[in-house]
Amino acid sequence: MSICGVITTKDVLRHGATIVREFGAGAYLRCCVAILLRKRTTFLNCVCELSA
């Protein structure tokens, strides 16, 4: 198994309660939006909400 750094649907759904508890509902929603848009992104990008 290799680590590529991108979030997966399975991980977001499986660990949803932990994500909300530790990082907030906004981070969880950004992860869900990234999944729905099929955007390859990392969890760190979803948590930090990098805005340029």
C-alpha atoms as a PDB file:
ATOM      1  CA  MET A   1       0.000   0.000   0.000  1.00  0.00           C
ATOM      2  CA  SER A   2       1.347   3.409  -0.929  1.00  0.00           C
ATOM      3  CA  ILE A   3       0.471   6.814   0.442  1.00  0.00           C
ATOM      4  CA  CYS A   4      -0.526   9.400  -2.152  1.00  0.00           C
ATOM      5  CA  GLY A   5      -1.936  12.083   0.167  1.00  0.00           C
ATOM      6  CA  VAL A   6      -5.312  12.602  -1.477  1.00  0.00           C
ATOM      7  CA  ILE A   7      -8.531  12.183   0.456  1.00  0.00           C
ATOM      8  CA  THR A   8     -10.821   9.272  -0.340  1.00  0.00           C
ATOM      9  CA  THR A   9     -14.568   8.986  -0.016  1.00  0.00           C
ATOM     10  CA  LYS A  10     -14.197   5.936   2.207  1.00  0.00           C
ATOM     11  CA  ASP A  11     -11.900   7.724   4.655  1.00  0.00           C
ATOM     12  CA  VAL A  12     -14.035  10.873   4.863  1.00  0.00           C
ATOM     13  CA  LEU A  13     -17.221   8.900   5.514  1.00  0.00           C
ATOM     14  CA  ARG A  14     -15.578   6.447   7.918  1.00  0.00           C
ATOM     15  CA  HIS A  15     -13.916   9.176  10.009  1.00  0.00           C
ATOM     16  CA  GLY A  16     -16.534  11.904   9.654  1.00  0.00           C
ATOM     17  CA  ALA A  17     -17.205  12.238  13.383  1.00  0.00           C
ATOM     18  CA  THR A  18     -13.499  12.603  14.139  1.00  0.00           C
ATOM     19  CA  ILE A  19     -13.039  15.201  11.397  1.00  0.00           C
ATOM     20  CA  VAL A  20     -15.940  17.281  12.719  1.00  0.00           C
ATOM     21  CA  ARG A  21     -14.800  16.967  16.335  1.00  0.00           C
ATOM     22  CA  GLU A  22     -11.159  17.823  15.692  1.00  0.00           C
ATOM     23  CA  PHE A  23     -11.315  20.213  12.717  1.00  0.00           C
ATOM     24  CA  GLY A  24     -14.907  21.486  12.592  1.00  0.00           C
ATOM     25  CA  ALA A  25     -17.929  21.059  10.376  1.00  0.00           C
ATOM     26  CA  GLY A  26     -16.497  23.424   7.766  1.00  0.00           C
ATOM     27  CA  ALA A  27     -13.534  21.152   7.106  1.00  0.00           C
ATOM     28  CA  TYR A  28     -15.844  18.152   6.788  1.00  0.00           C
ATOM     29  CA  LEU A  29     -18.086  20.003   4.345  1.00  0.00           C
ATOM     30  CA  ARG A  30     -15.081  21.074   2.251  1.00  0.00           C
ATOM     31  CA  CYS A  31     -13.996  17.417   2.101  1.00  0.00           C
ATOM     32  CA  CYS A  32     -17.484  16.402   0.993  1.00  0.00           C
ATOM     33  CA  VAL A  33     -17.584  19.109  -1.679  1.00  0.00           C
ATOM     34  CA  ALA A  34     -14.177  17.996  -2.971  1.00  0.00           C
ATOM     35  CA  ILE A  35     -15.503  14.441  -3.219  1.00  0.00           C
ATOM     36  CA  LEU A  36     -18.671  15.534  -5.033  1.00  0.00           C
ATOM     37  CA  LEU A  37     -16.660  17.635  -7.502  1.00  0.00           C
ATOM     38  CA  ARG A  38     -14.183  14.750  -7.954  1.00  0.00           C
ATOM     39  CA  LYS A  39     -11.398  17.159  -7.097  1.00  0.00           C
ATOM     40  CA  ARG A  40      -8.048  15.558  -6.242  1.00  0.00           C
ATOM     41  CA  THR A  41      -7.005  17.374  -3.095  1.00  0.00           C
ATOM     42  CA  THR A  42      -5.331  16.638   0.186  1.00  0.00           C
ATOM     43  CA  PHE A  43      -6.926  16.651   3.600  1.00  0.00           C
ATOM     44  CA  LEU A  44      -4.655  19.517   4.612  1.00  0.00           C
ATOM     45  CA  ASN A  45      -6.066  21.679   1.806  1.00  0.00           C
ATOM     46  CA  CYS A  46      -9.602  20.964   3.016  1.00  0.00           C
ATOM     47  CA  VAL A  47      -8.754  21.745   6.635  1.00  0.00           C
ATOM     48  CA  CYS A  48      -6.776  24.909   6.006  1.00  0.00           C
ATOM     49  CA  GLU A  49      -9.089  26.292   3.301  1.00  0.00           C
ATOM     50  CA  LEU A  50      -6.296  27.964   1.396  1.00  0.00           C
ATOM     51  CA  SER A  51      -7.727  31.023  -0.315  1.00  0.00           C
ATOM     52  CA  ALA A  52      -5.662  32.879  -2.862  1.00  0.00           C
END
